[in-house]
PDB file of N, CA and C in Angstrom:
ATOM      1  N   UNK A   1      -6.994 -20.279   3.929  1.00  0.00           N
ATOM      2  CA  UNK A   1      -6.367 -21.580   3.751  1.00  0.00           C
ATOM      3  C   UNK A   1      -5.741 -22.056   5.065  1.00  0.00           C
ATOM      4  N   UNK A   2      -5.048 -21.133   5.720  1.00  0.00           N
ATOM      5  CA  UNK A   2      -4.405 -21.504   6.981  1.00  0.00           C
ATOM      6  C   UNK A   2      -5.457 -21.898   8.022  1.00  0.00           C
ATOM      7  N   UNK A   3      -6.549 -21.181   8.067  1.00  0.00           N
ATOM      8  CA  UNK A   3      -7.619 -21.488   9.006  1.00  0.00           C
ATOM      9  C   UNK A   3      -8.192 -22.872   8.776  1.00  0.00           C
ATOM     10  N   UNK A   4      -8.365 -23.248   7.513  1.00  0.00           N
ATOM     11  CA  UNK A   4      -8.871 -24.584   7.201  1.00  0.00           C
ATOM     12  C   UNK A   4      -7.865 -25.659   7.594  1.00  0.00           C
ATOM     13  N   UNK A   5      -6.600 -25.413   7.238  1.00  0.00           N
ATOM     14  CA  UNK A   5      -5.556 -26.395   7.557  1.00  0.00           C
ATOM     15  C   UNK A   5      -5.413 -26.569   9.065  1.00  0.00           C
ATOM     16  N   UNK A   6      -5.375 -25.469   9.783  1.00  0.00           N
ATOM     17  CA  UNK A   6      -5.235 -25.540  11.236  1.00  0.00           C
ATOM     18  C   UNK A   6      -6.474 -26.156  11.858  1.00  0.00           C
ATOM     19  N   UNK A   7      -7.638 -25.814  11.348  1.00  0.00           N
ATOM     20  CA  UNK A   7      -8.877 -26.412  11.848  1.00  0.00           C
ATOM     21  C   UNK A   7      -8.857 -27.920  11.720  1.00  0.00           C
ATOM     22  N   UNK A   8      -8.354 -28.401  10.599  1.00  0.00           N
ATOM     23  CA  UNK A   8      -8.248 -29.835  10.383  1.00  0.00           C
ATOM     24  C   UNK A   8      -7.233 -30.452  11.350  1.00  0.00           C
ATOM     25  N   UNK A   9      -6.053 -29.845  11.443  1.00  0.00           N
ATOM     26  CA  UNK A   9      -5.008 -30.382  12.319  1.00  0.00           C
ATOM     27  C   UNK A   9      -5.410 -30.380  13.784  1.00  0.00           C
ATOM     28  N   UNK A  10      -5.980 -29.285  14.244  1.00  0.00           N
ATOM     29  CA  UNK A  10      -6.318 -29.187  15.659  1.00  0.00           C
ATOM     30  C   UNK A  10      -7.451 -30.159  16.016  1.00  0.00           C
ATOM     31  N   UNK A  11      -8.307 -30.456  15.055  1.00  0.00           N
ATOM     32  CA  UNK A  11      -9.361 -31.440  15.305  1.00  0.00           C
ATOM     33  C   UNK A  11      -8.749 -32.833  15.491  1.00  0.00           C
ATOM     34  N   UNK A  12      -7.697 -33.123  14.754  1.00  0.00           N
ATOM     35  CA  UNK A  12      -7.016 -34.410  14.883  1.00  0.00           C
ATOM     36  C   UNK A  12      -6.162 -34.454  16.150  1.00  0.00           C
ATOM     37  N   UNK A  13      -5.442 -33.364  16.409  1.00  0.00           N
ATOM     38  CA  UNK A  13      -4.495 -33.333  17.528  1.00  0.00           C
ATOM     39  C   UNK A  13      -5.207 -33.256  18.875  1.00  0.00           C
ATOM     40  N   UNK A  14      -6.222 -32.419  18.985  1.00  0.00           N
ATOM     41  CA  UNK A  14      -6.840 -32.139  20.281  1.00  0.00           C
ATOM     42  C   UNK A  14      -8.354 -32.344  20.204  1.00  0.00           C
ATOM     43  N   UNK A  15      -8.769 -33.589  20.048  1.00  0.00           N
ATOM     44  CA  UNK A  15     -10.180 -33.924  19.862  1.00  0.00           C
ATOM     45  C   UNK A  15     -11.014 -33.597  21.110  1.00  0.00           C
ATOM     46  N   UNK A  16     -10.372 -33.550  22.256  1.00  0.00           N
ATOM     47  CA  UNK A  16     -11.138 -33.291  23.486  1.00  0.00           C
ATOM     48  C   UNK A  16     -11.608 -31.836  23.574  1.00  0.00           C
ATOM     49  N   UNK A  17     -10.820 -30.903  23.032  1.00  0.00           N
ATOM     50  CA  UNK A  17     -11.203 -29.482  23.072  1.00  0.00           C
ATOM     51  C   UNK A  17     -11.925 -29.032  21.803  1.00  0.00           C
ATOM     52  N   UNK A  18     -11.591 -29.646  20.681  1.00  0.00           N
ATOM     53  CA  UNK A  18     -12.182 -29.268  19.398  1.00  0.00           C
ATOM     54  C   UNK A  18     -12.961 -30.475  18.882  1.00  0.00           C
ATOM     55  N   UNK A  19     -14.254 -30.480  19.119  1.00  0.00           N
ATOM     56  CA  UNK A  19     -15.088 -31.642  18.841  1.00  0.00           C
ATOM     57  C   UNK A  19     -15.375 -31.829  17.358  1.00  0.00           C
ATOM     58  N   UNK A  20     -15.275 -30.762  16.587  1.00  0.00           N
ATOM     59  CA  UNK A  20     -15.574 -30.880  15.159  1.00  0.00           C
ATOM     60  C   UNK A  20     -14.600 -30.026  14.356  1.00  0.00           C
ATOM     61  N   UNK A  21     -14.604 -30.294  13.065  1.00  0.00           N
ATOM     62  CA  UNK A  21     -13.781 -29.514  12.141  1.00  0.00           C
ATOM     63  C   UNK A  21     -14.184 -28.038  12.194  1.00  0.00           C
ATOM     64  N   UNK A  22     -15.476 -27.784  12.305  1.00  0.00           N
ATOM     65  CA  UNK A  22     -15.977 -26.404  12.387  1.00  0.00           C
ATOM     66  C   UNK A  22     -15.461 -25.682  13.615  1.00  0.00           C
ATOM     67  N   UNK A  23     -15.396 -26.376  14.746  1.00  0.00           N
ATOM     68  CA  UNK A  23     -14.835 -25.765  15.958  1.00  0.00           C
ATOM     69  C   UNK A  23     -13.372 -25.387  15.748  1.00  0.00           C
ATOM     70  N   UNK A  24     -12.643 -26.277  15.109  1.00  0.00           N
ATOM     71  CA  UNK A  24     -11.220 -26.014  14.851  1.00  0.00           C
ATOM     72  C   UNK A  24     -11.009 -24.822  13.927  1.00  0.00           C
ATOM     73  N   UNK A  25     -11.809 -24.762  12.856  1.00  0.00           N
ATOM     74  CA  UNK A  25     -11.694 -23.640  11.913  1.00  0.00           C
ATOM     75  C   UNK A  25     -12.100 -22.340  12.599  1.00  0.00           C
ATOM     76  N   UNK A  26     -13.207 -22.369  13.356  1.00  0.00           N
ATOM     77  CA  UNK A  26     -13.660 -21.172  14.066  1.00  0.00           C
ATOM     78  C   UNK A  26     -12.568 -20.659  14.995  1.00  0.00           C
ATOM     79  N   UNK A  27     -11.976 -21.538  15.747  1.00  0.00           N
ATOM     80  CA  UNK A  27     -10.923 -21.137  16.678  1.00  0.00           C
ATOM     81  C   UNK A  27      -9.723 -20.559  15.933  1.00  0.00           C
ATOM     82  N   UNK A  28      -9.346 -21.185  14.816  1.00  0.00           N
ATOM     83  CA  UNK A  28      -8.202 -20.709  14.041  1.00  0.00           C
ATOM     84  C   UNK A  28      -8.469 -19.317  13.464  1.00  0.00           C
ATOM     85  N   UNK A  29      -9.654 -19.121  12.914  1.00  0.00           N
ATOM     86  CA  UNK A  29     -10.001 -17.820  12.313  1.00  0.00           C
ATOM     87  C   UNK A  29     -10.063 -16.735  13.385  1.00  0.00           C
ATOM     88  N   UNK A  30     -10.660 -17.032  14.513  1.00  0.00           N
ATOM     89  CA  UNK A  30     -10.757 -16.062  15.606  1.00  0.00           C
ATOM     90  C   UNK A  30      -9.357 -15.727  16.126  1.00  0.00           C
ATOM     91  N   UNK A  31      -8.498 -16.724  16.215  1.00  0.00           N
ATOM     92  CA  UNK A  31      -7.130 -16.503  16.686  1.00  0.00           C
ATOM     93  C   UNK A  31      -6.334 -15.701  15.664  1.00  0.00           C
ATOM     94  N   UNK A  32      -6.481 -16.038  14.374  1.00  0.00           N
ATOM     95  CA  UNK A  32      -5.751 -15.305  13.324  1.00  0.00           C
ATOM     96  C   UNK A  32      -6.176 -13.846  13.281  1.00  0.00           C
ATOM     97  N   UNK A  33      -7.430 -13.597  13.511  1.00  0.00           N
ATOM     98  CA  UNK A  33      -7.927 -12.222  13.506  1.00  0.00           C
ATOM     99  C   UNK A  33      -7.619 -11.479  14.786  1.00  0.00           C
ATOM    100  N   UNK A  34      -6.927 -12.117  15.686  1.00  0.00           N
ATOM    101  CA  UNK A  34      -6.544 -11.574  16.994  1.00  0.00           C
ATOM    102  C   UNK A  34      -7.747 -11.106  17.809  1.00  0.00           C
ATOM    103  N   UNK A  35      -8.898 -11.745  17.568  1.00  0.00           N
ATOM    104  CA  UNK A  35     -10.097 -11.408  18.324  1.00  0.00           C
ATOM    105  C   UNK A  35     -10.063 -12.118  19.668  1.00  0.00           C
ATOM    106  N   UNK A  36      -9.813 -13.419  19.643  1.00  0.00           N
ATOM    107  CA  UNK A  36      -9.654 -14.192  20.860  1.00  0.00           C
ATOM    108  C   UNK A  36     -10.889 -14.282  21.710  1.00  0.00           C
ATOM    109  N   UNK A  37     -11.967 -14.869  21.189  1.00  0.00           N
ATOM    110  CA  UNK A  37     -13.209 -15.003  21.949  1.00  0.00           C
ATOM    111  C   UNK A  37     -13.088 -15.990  23.107  1.00  0.00           C
ATOM    112  N   UNK A  38     -12.098 -16.833  23.101  1.00  0.00           N
ATOM    113  CA  UNK A  38     -11.895 -17.851  24.138  1.00  0.00           C
ATOM    114  C   UNK A  38     -13.025 -18.883  24.167  1.00  0.00           C
ATOM    115  N   UNK A  39     -13.648 -19.122  23.016  1.00  0.00           N
ATOM    116  CA  UNK A  39     -14.676 -20.165  22.939  1.00  0.00           C
ATOM    117  C   UNK A  39     -14.063 -21.515  23.269  1.00  0.00           C
ATOM    118  N   UNK A  40     -12.994 -21.807  22.564  1.00  0.00           N
ATOM    119  CA  UNK A  40     -12.285 -23.065  22.774  1.00  0.00           C
ATOM    120  C   UNK A  40     -10.802 -22.761  22.912  1.00  0.00           C
ATOM    121  N   UNK A  41     -10.224 -23.285  23.944  1.00  0.00           N
ATOM    122  CA  UNK A  41      -8.808 -23.051  24.201  1.00  0.00           C
ATOM    123  C   UNK A  41      -8.118 -24.405  24.217  1.00  0.00           C
ATOM    124  N   UNK A  42      -7.073 -24.550  23.404  1.00  0.00           N
ATOM    125  CA  UNK A  42      -6.396 -25.837  23.388  1.00  0.00           C
ATOM    126  C   UNK A  42      -5.712 -26.117  24.729  1.00  0.00           C
ATOM    127  N   UNK A  43      -5.899 -27.341  25.220  1.00  0.00           N
ATOM    128  CA  UNK A  43      -5.270 -27.744  26.472  1.00  0.00           C
ATOM    129  C   UNK A  43      -4.028 -28.592  26.222  1.00  0.00           C
ATOM    130  N   UNK A  44      -4.031 -29.332  25.115  1.00  0.00           N
ATOM    131  CA  UNK A  44      -2.893 -30.183  24.778  1.00  0.00           C
ATOM    132  C   UNK A  44      -1.721 -29.326  24.318  1.00  0.00           C
ATOM    133  N   UNK A  45      -0.522 -29.822  24.552  1.00  0.00           N
ATOM    134  CA  UNK A  45       0.694 -29.086  24.175  1.00  0.00           C
ATOM    135  C   UNK A  45       0.774 -28.773  22.698  1.00  0.00           C
ATOM    136  N   UNK A  46       0.474 -29.787  21.850  1.00  0.00           N
ATOM    137  CA  UNK A  46       0.535 -29.556  20.402  1.00  0.00           C
ATOM    138  C   UNK A  46      -0.535 -28.563  19.955  1.00  0.00           C
ATOM    139  N   UNK A  47      -1.660 -28.584  20.591  1.00  0.00           N
ATOM    140  CA  UNK A  47      -2.711 -27.619  20.260  1.00  0.00           C
ATOM    141  C   UNK A  47      -2.287 -26.199  20.588  1.00  0.00           C
ATOM    142  N   UNK A  48      -1.592 -26.048  21.693  1.00  0.00           N
ATOM    143  CA  UNK A  48      -1.091 -24.714  22.070  1.00  0.00           C
ATOM    144  C   UNK A  48       0.023 -24.246  21.136  1.00  0.00           C
ATOM    145  N   UNK A  49       0.877 -25.188  20.751  1.00  0.00           N
ATOM    146  CA  UNK A  49       1.948 -24.835  19.793  1.00  0.00           C
ATOM    147  C   UNK A  49       1.327 -24.402  18.476  1.00  0.00           C
ATOM    148  N   UNK A  50       0.359 -25.163  18.004  1.00  0.00           N
ATOM    149  CA  UNK A  50      -0.321 -24.812  16.754  1.00  0.00           C
ATOM    150  C   UNK A  50      -1.049 -23.472  16.890  1.00  0.00           C
ATOM    151  N   UNK A  51      -1.664 -23.239  18.040  1.00  0.00           N
ATOM    152  CA  UNK A  51      -2.321 -21.951  18.286  1.00  0.00           C
ATOM    153  C   UNK A  51      -1.336 -20.799  18.255  1.00  0.00           C
ATOM    154  N   UNK A  52      -0.145 -21.018  18.790  1.00  0.00           N
ATOM    155  CA  UNK A  52       0.894 -19.977  18.763  1.00  0.00           C
ATOM    156  C   UNK A  52       1.320 -19.657  17.340  1.00  0.00           C
ATOM    157  N   UNK A  53       1.451 -20.692  16.525  1.00  0.00           N
ATOM    158  CA  UNK A  53       1.809 -20.482  15.111  1.00  0.00           C
ATOM    159  C   UNK A  53       0.708 -19.683  14.416  1.00  0.00           C
ATOM    160  N   UNK A  54      -0.543 -19.997  14.719  1.00  0.00           N
ATOM    161  CA  UNK A  54      -1.670 -19.285  14.108  1.00  0.00           C
ATOM    162  C   UNK A  54      -1.671 -17.822  14.547  1.00  0.00           C
ATOM    163  N   UNK A  55      -1.371 -17.561  15.806  1.00  0.00           N
ATOM    164  CA  UNK A  55      -1.311 -16.171  16.285  1.00  0.00           C
ATOM    165  C   UNK A  55      -0.267 -15.384  15.509  1.00  0.00           C
ATOM    166  N   UNK A  56       0.933 -15.942  15.398  1.00  0.00           N
ATOM    167  CA  UNK A  56       2.016 -15.252  14.678  1.00  0.00           C
ATOM    168  C   UNK A  56       1.646 -15.051  13.216  1.00  0.00           C
ATOM    169  N   UNK A  57       1.077 -16.098  12.587  1.00  0.00           N
ATOM    170  CA  UNK A  57       0.682 -15.978  11.175  1.00  0.00           C
ATOM    171  C   UNK A  57      -0.422 -14.935  11.006  1.00  0.00           C
ATOM    172  N   UNK A  58      -1.364 -14.895  11.924  1.00  0.00           N
ATOM    173  CA  UNK A  58      -2.458 -13.928  11.832  1.00  0.00           C
ATOM    174  C   UNK A  58      -1.974 -12.497  11.977  1.00  0.00           C
ATOM    175  N   UNK A  59      -1.143 -12.258  12.979  1.00  0.00           N
ATOM    176  CA  UNK A  59      -0.617 -10.907  13.192  1.00  0.00           C
ATOM    177  C   UNK A  59       0.244 -10.485  12.009  1.00  0.00           C
ATOM    178  N   UNK A  60       1.052 -11.416  11.502  1.00  0.00           N
ATOM    179  CA  UNK A  60       1.902 -11.108  10.344  1.00  0.00           C
ATOM    180  C   UNK A  60       1.054 -10.788   9.122  1.00  0.00           C
ATOM    181  N   UNK A  61       0.010 -11.570   8.887  1.00  0.00           N
ATOM    182  CA  UNK A  61      -0.864 -11.321   7.734  1.00  0.00           C
ATOM    183  C   UNK A  61      -1.544  -9.968   7.828  1.00  0.00           C
ATOM    184  N   UNK A  62      -2.060  -9.634   8.997  1.00  0.00           N
ATOM    185  CA  UNK A  62      -2.720  -8.334   9.182  1.00  0.00           C
ATOM    186  C   UNK A  62      -1.712  -7.203   8.979  1.00  0.00           C
ATOM    187  N   UNK A  63      -0.500  -7.388   9.475  1.00  0.00           N
ATOM    188  CA  UNK A  63       0.540  -6.367   9.311  1.00  0.00           C
ATOM    189  C   UNK A  63       0.872  -6.165   7.846  1.00  0.00           C
ATOM    190  N   UNK A  64       1.046  -7.254   7.112  1.00  0.00           N
ATOM    191  CA  UNK A  64       1.347  -7.132   5.682  1.00  0.00           C
ATOM    192  C   UNK A  64       0.187  -6.514   4.915  1.00  0.00           C
ATOM    193  N   UNK A  65      -1.013  -6.853   5.281  1.00  0.00           N
ATOM    194  CA  UNK A  65      -2.184  -6.265   4.627  1.00  0.00           C
ATOM    195  C   UNK A  65      -2.222  -4.751   4.844  1.00  0.00           C
ATOM    196  N   UNK A  66      -2.007  -4.321   6.077  1.00  0.00           N
ATOM    197  CA  UNK A  66      -1.985  -2.883   6.373  1.00  0.00           C
ATOM    198  C   UNK A  66      -0.841  -2.182   5.653  1.00  0.00           C
ATOM    199  N   UNK A  67       0.327  -2.802   5.645  1.00  0.00           N
ATOM    200  CA  UNK A  67       1.477  -2.203   4.967  1.00  0.00           C
ATOM    201  C   UNK A  67       1.230  -2.083   3.467  1.00  0.00           C
ATOM    202  N   UNK A  68       0.616  -3.091   2.886  1.00  0.00           N
ATOM    203  CA  UNK A  68       0.317  -3.053   1.450  1.00  0.00           C
ATOM    204  C   UNK A  68      -0.681  -1.945   1.126  1.00  0.00           C
ATOM    205  N   UNK A  69      -1.710  -1.825   1.937  1.00  0.00           N
ATOM    206  CA  UNK A  69      -2.710  -0.764   1.719  1.00  0.00           C
ATOM    207  C   UNK A  69      -2.064   0.608   1.854  1.00  0.00           C
ATOM    208  N   UNK A  70      -1.244   0.798   2.880  1.00  0.00           N
ATOM    209  CA  UNK A  70      -0.565   2.080   3.068  1.00  0.00           C
ATOM    210  C   UNK A  70       0.361   2.373   1.899  1.00  0.00           C
ATOM    211  N   UNK A  71       1.061   1.364   1.419  1.00  0.00           N
ATOM    212  CA  UNK A  71       1.962   1.531   0.286  1.00  0.00           C
ATOM    213  C   UNK A  71       1.213   1.958  -0.970  1.00  0.00           C
ATOM    214  N   UNK A  72       0.036   1.389  -1.186  1.00  0.00           N
ATOM    215  CA  UNK A  72      -0.766   1.780  -2.348  1.00  0.00           C
ATOM    216  C   UNK A  72      -1.189   3.243  -2.270  1.00  0.00           C
ATOM    217  N   UNK A  73      -1.589   3.683  -1.080  1.00  0.00           N
ATOM    218  CA  UNK A  73      -1.969   5.085  -0.913  1.00  0.00           C
ATOM    219  C   UNK A  73      -0.780   6.007  -1.141  1.00  0.00           C
ATOM    220  N   UNK A  74       0.365   5.661  -0.579  1.00  0.00           N
ATOM    221  CA  UNK A  74       1.563   6.494  -0.733  1.00  0.00           C
ATOM    222  C   UNK A  74       1.995   6.522  -2.194  1.00  0.00           C
ATOM    223  N   UNK A  75       1.925   5.385  -2.860  1.00  0.00           N
ATOM    224  CA  UNK A  75       2.304   5.314  -4.272  1.00  0.00           C
ATOM    225  C   UNK A  75       1.393   6.196  -5.127  1.00  0.00           C
ATOM    226  N   UNK A  76       0.102   6.159  -4.855  1.00  0.00           N
ATOM    227  CA  UNK A  76      -0.837   6.991  -5.619  1.00  0.00           C
ATOM    228  C   UNK A  76      -0.548   8.468  -5.388  1.00  0.00           C
ATOM    229  N   UNK A  77      -0.275   8.845  -4.144  1.00  0.00           N
ATOM    230  CA  UNK A  77       0.063  10.242  -3.845  1.00  0.00           C
ATOM    231  C   UNK A  77       1.352  10.647  -4.545  1.00  0.00           C
ATOM    232  N   UNK A  78       2.347   9.760  -4.534  1.00  0.00           N
ATOM    233  CA  UNK A  78       3.629  10.052  -5.169  1.00  0.00           C
ATOM    234  C   UNK A  78       3.461  10.241  -6.674  1.00  0.00           C
ATOM    235  N   UNK A  79       2.642   9.404  -7.298  1.00  0.00           N
ATOM    236  CA  UNK A  79       2.395   9.547  -8.732  1.00  0.00           C
ATOM    237  C   UNK A  79       1.708  10.878  -9.034  1.00  0.00           C
ATOM    238  N   UNK A  80       0.766  11.274  -8.197  1.00  0.00           N
ATOM    239  CA  UNK A  80       0.073  12.555  -8.393  1.00  0.00           C
ATOM    240  C   UNK A  80       1.045  13.722  -8.255  1.00  0.00           C
ATOM    241  N   UNK A  81       1.922  13.661  -7.247  1.00  0.00           N
ATOM    242  CA  UNK A  81       2.916  14.723  -7.068  1.00  0.00           C
ATOM    243  C   UNK A  81       3.884  14.784  -8.249  1.00  0.00           C
ATOM    244  N   UNK A  82       4.289  13.641  -8.753  1.00  0.00           N
ATOM    245  CA  UNK A  82       5.188  13.595  -9.904  1.00  0.00           C
ATOM    246  C   UNK A  82       4.515  14.195 -11.130  1.00  0.00           C
ATOM    247  N   UNK A  83       3.242  13.854 -11.338  1.00  0.00           N
ATOM    248  CA  UNK A  83       2.504  14.399 -12.484  1.00  0.00           C
ATOM    249  C   UNK A  83       2.385  15.915 -12.392  1.00  0.00           C
ATOM    250  N   UNK A  84       2.047  16.428 -11.207  1.00  0.00           N
ATOM    251  CA  UNK A  84       1.928  17.878 -11.027  1.00  0.00           C
ATOM    252  C   UNK A  84       3.265  18.564 -11.217  1.00  0.00           C
ATOM    253  N   UNK A  85       4.326  17.953 -10.742  1.00  0.00           N
ATOM    254  CA  UNK A  85       5.657  18.524 -10.896  1.00  0.00           C
ATOM    255  C   UNK A  85       6.033  18.614 -12.375  1.00  0.00           C
ATOM    256  N   UNK A  86       5.720  17.573 -13.137  1.00  0.00           N
ATOM    257  CA  UNK A  86       6.011  17.586 -14.583  1.00  0.00           C
ATOM    258  C   UNK A  86       5.199  18.662 -15.286  1.00  0.00           C
ATOM    259  N   UNK A  87       3.940  18.835 -14.874  1.00  0.00           N
ATOM    260  CA  UNK A  87       3.099  19.870 -15.474  1.00  0.00           C
ATOM    261  C   UNK A  87       3.661  21.261 -15.187  1.00  0.00           C
ATOM    262  N   UNK A  88       4.094  21.481 -13.931  1.00  0.00           N
ATOM    263  CA  UNK A  88       4.680  22.781 -13.577  1.00  0.00           C
ATOM    264  C   UNK A  88       5.969  23.020 -14.357  1.00  0.00           C
ATOM    265  N   UNK A  89       6.764  21.975 -14.497  1.00  0.00           N
ATOM    266  CA  UNK A  89       8.018  22.099 -15.223  1.00  0.00           C
ATOM    267  C   UNK A  89       7.757  22.428 -16.697  1.00  0.00           C
ATOM    268  N   UNK A  90       6.768  21.767 -17.296  1.00  0.00           N
ATOM    269  CA  UNK A  90       6.423  22.022 -18.700  1.00  0.00           C
ATOM    270  C   UNK A  90       5.909  23.450 -18.871  1.00  0.00           C
ATOM    271  N   UNK A  91       5.080  23.915 -17.935  1.00  0.00           N
ATOM    272  CA  UNK A  91       4.563  25.290 -18.012  1.00  0.00           C
ATOM    273  C   UNK A  91       5.701  26.291 -17.865  1.00  0.00           C
ATOM    274  N   UNK A  92       6.642  25.999 -16.993  1.00  0.00           N
ATOM    275  CA  UNK A  92       7.785  26.882 -16.795  1.00  0.00           C
ATOM    276  C   UNK A  92       8.647  26.939 -18.049  1.00  0.00           C
ATOM    277  N   UNK A  93       8.856  25.807 -18.689  1.00  0.00           N
ATOM    278  CA  UNK A  93       9.633  25.778 -19.929  1.00  0.00           C
ATOM    279  C   UNK A  93       8.929  26.572 -21.028  1.00  0.00           C
ATOM    280  N   UNK A  94       7.622  26.437 -21.105  1.00  0.00           N
ATOM    281  CA  UNK A  94       6.855  27.162 -22.122  1.00  0.00           C
ATOM    282  C   UNK A  94       6.957  28.672 -21.898  1.00  0.00           C
ATOM    283  N   UNK A  95       6.859  29.101 -20.651  1.00  0.00           N
ATOM    284  CA  UNK A  95       6.990  30.509 -20.317  1.00  0.00           C
ATOM    285  C   UNK A  95       8.388  31.024 -20.654  1.00  0.00           C
ATOM    286  N   UNK A  96       9.393  30.237 -20.339  1.00  0.00           N
ATOM    287  CA  UNK A  96      10.782  30.621 -20.644  1.00  0.00           C
ATOM    288  C   UNK A  96      10.982  30.760 -22.140  1.00  0.00           C
ATOM    289  N   UNK A  97      10.440  29.839 -22.930  1.00  0.00           N
ATOM    290  CA  UNK A  97      10.569  29.919 -24.394  1.00  0.00           C
ATOM    291  C   UNK A  97       9.881  31.182 -24.936  1.00  0.00           C
ATOM    292  N   UNK A  98       8.704  31.479 -24.380  1.00  0.00           N
ATOM    293  CA  UNK A  98       7.980  32.673 -24.838  1.00  0.00           C
ATOM    294  C   UNK A  98       8.778  33.937 -24.509  1.00  0.00           C
ATOM    295  N   UNK A  99       9.360  34.015 -23.312  1.00  0.00           N
ATOM    296  CA  UNK A  99      10.166  35.185 -22.941  1.00  0.00           C
ATOM    297  C   UNK A  99      11.411  35.310 -23.816  1.00  0.00           C
ATOM    298  N   UNK A 100      12.066  34.179 -24.085  1.00  0.00           N
ATOM    299  CA  UNK A 100      13.250  34.219 -24.956  1.00  0.00           C
ATOM    300  C   UNK A 100      12.883  34.688 -26.360  1.00  0.00           C
ATOM    301  N   UNK A 101      11.750  34.224 -26.866  1.00  0.00           N
ATOM    302  CA  UNK A 101      11.310  34.628 -28.198  1.00  0.00           C
ATOM    303  C   UNK A 101      11.090  36.142 -28.248  1.00  0.00           C
ATOM    304  N   UNK A 102      10.444  36.700 -27.198  1.00  0.00           N
ATOM    305  CA  UNK A 102      10.213  38.143 -27.143  1.00  0.00           C
ATOM    306  C   UNK A 102      11.525  38.907 -27.052  1.00  0.00           C
ATOM    307  N   UNK A 103      12.456  38.371 -26.251  1.00  0.00           N
ATOM    308  CA  UNK A 103      13.753  39.042 -26.123  1.00  0.00           C
ATOM    309  C   UNK A 103      14.523  39.022 -27.434  1.00  0.00           C
ATOM    310  N   UNK A 104      14.430  37.918 -28.163  1.00  0.00           N
ATOM    311  CA  UNK A 104      15.126  37.827 -29.447  1.00  0.00           C
ATOM    312  C   UNK A 104      14.485  38.718 -30.501  1.00  0.00           C
ATOM    313  N   UNK A 105      13.210  38.978 -30.395  1.00  0.00           N
ATOM    314  CA  UNK A 105      12.515  39.845 -31.345  1.00  0.00           C
ATOM    315  C   UNK A 105      12.823  41.312 -31.087  1.00  0.00           C
ATOM    316  N   UNK A 106      13.159  41.676 -29.877  1.00  0.00           N
ATOM    317  CA  UNK A 106      13.399  43.085 -29.528  1.00  0.00           C
ATOM    318  C   UNK A 106      14.575  43.701 -30.284  1.00  0.00           C
ATOM    319  N   UNK A 107      15.726  43.033 -30.356  1.00  0.00           N
ATOM    320  CA  UNK A 107      16.819  43.675 -31.107  1.00  0.00           C
ATOM    321  C   UNK A 107      16.444  43.918 -32.562  1.00  0.00           C
ATOM    322  N   UNK A 108      15.712  42.994 -33.166  1.00  0.00           N
ATOM    323  CA  UNK A 108      15.294  43.178 -34.556  1.00  0.00           C
ATOM    324  C   UNK A 108      14.380  44.396 -34.674  1.00  0.00           C
ATOM    325  N   UNK A 109      13.466  44.544 -33.709  1.00  0.00           N
ATOM    326  CA  UNK A 109      12.554  45.690 -33.737  1.00  0.00           C
ATOM    327  C   UNK A 109      13.331  46.991 -33.534  1.00  0.00           C
ATOM    328  N   UNK A 110      14.322  46.968 -32.662  1.00  0.00           N
ATOM    329  CA  UNK A 110      15.133  48.171 -32.418  1.00  0.00           C
ATOM    330  C   UNK A 110      15.922  48.530 -33.669  1.00  0.00           C
ATOM    331  N   UNK A 111      16.500  47.532 -34.324  1.00  0.00           N
ATOM    332  CA  UNK A 111      17.255  47.780 -35.560  1.00  0.00           C
ATOM    333  C   UNK A 111      16.362  48.342 -36.640  1.00  0.00           C
ATOM    334  N   UNK A 112      15.139  47.818 -36.762  1.00  0.00           N
ATOM    335  CA  UNK A 112      14.217  48.344 -37.767  1.00  0.00           C
ATOM    336  C   UNK A 112      13.889  49.805 -37.464  1.00  0.00           C
ATOM    337  N   UNK A 113      13.659  50.115 -36.208  1.00  0.00           N
ATOM    338  CA  UNK A 113      13.350  51.494 -35.804  1.00  0.00           C
ATOM    339  C   UNK A 113      14.521  52.412 -36.137  1.00  0.00           C
ATOM    340  N   UNK A 114      15.734  51.981 -35.820  1.00  0.00           N
ATOM    341  CA  UNK A 114      16.928  52.781 -36.108  1.00  0.00           C
ATOM    342  C   UNK A 114      17.123  52.956 -37.625  1.00  0.00           C
ATOM    343  N   UNK A 115      16.900  51.884 -38.389  1.00  0.00           N
ATOM    344  CA  UNK A 115      17.024  51.962 -39.839  1.00  0.00           C
ATOM    345  C   UNK A 115      16.022  52.950 -40.418  1.00  0.00           C
ATOM    346  N   UNK A 116      14.811  52.983 -39.871  1.00  0.00           N
ATOM    347  CA  UNK A 116      13.789  53.905 -40.370  1.00  0.00           C
ATOM    348  C   UNK A 116      14.159  55.357 -40.060  1.00  0.00           C
ATOM    349  N   UNK A 117      14.768  55.600 -38.919  1.00  0.00           N
ATOM    350  CA  UNK A 117      15.146  56.963 -38.530  1.00  0.00           C
ATOM    351  C   UNK A 117      16.361  57.431 -39.347  1.00  0.00           C
ATOM    352  N   UNK A 118      17.233  56.518 -39.671  1.00  0.00           N
ATOM    353  CA  UNK A 118      18.402  56.870 -40.462  1.00  0.00           C
ATOM    354  C   UNK A 118      18.025  57.111 -41.922  1.00  0.00           C
ATOM    355  N   UNK A 119      17.124  56.358 -42.335  1.00  0.00           N
ATOM    356  CA  UNK A 119      16.887  56.266 -43.722  1.00  0.00           C
ATOM    357  C   UNK A 119      15.908  57.065 -44.383  1.00  0.00           C
TER     358      UNK A 119
END
C-alpha cells in the first residue's frame, strides 16, 4: 500500500525523475526493500523527503517482520518446553503416589506377618 501511495505521490511531485506511476512504484518498492538499485533517484527536495520516509518505513517494516517471525519461533519453543515440563511433573507425581501407596501397604503387611506368628 505504501509503495502504491508513494509511487503516486512521487509521480506528481517529481515528474522529471519519475515519468510514470510504474517508475514511482518501482522506486518506492526498491527503496522499501532496502535494495537501492539507483534506477531513479529523486532530485527535487520533496522527492528526497518522501524517499527518506519510505526508507524509514521500509526498514521498520522489515524489522517488525523479522521480530514477529522470531517471536513465533520462540513462542512455539516455549510452549513445547512447558508441555514437556508438565508431562515430567505429572510422571513424577504418579511415581510419588505409587511409592506412597507401597509404603502405606508395608505396615499392614508387617502387622499381618506379626499376627500370624503370634497367633
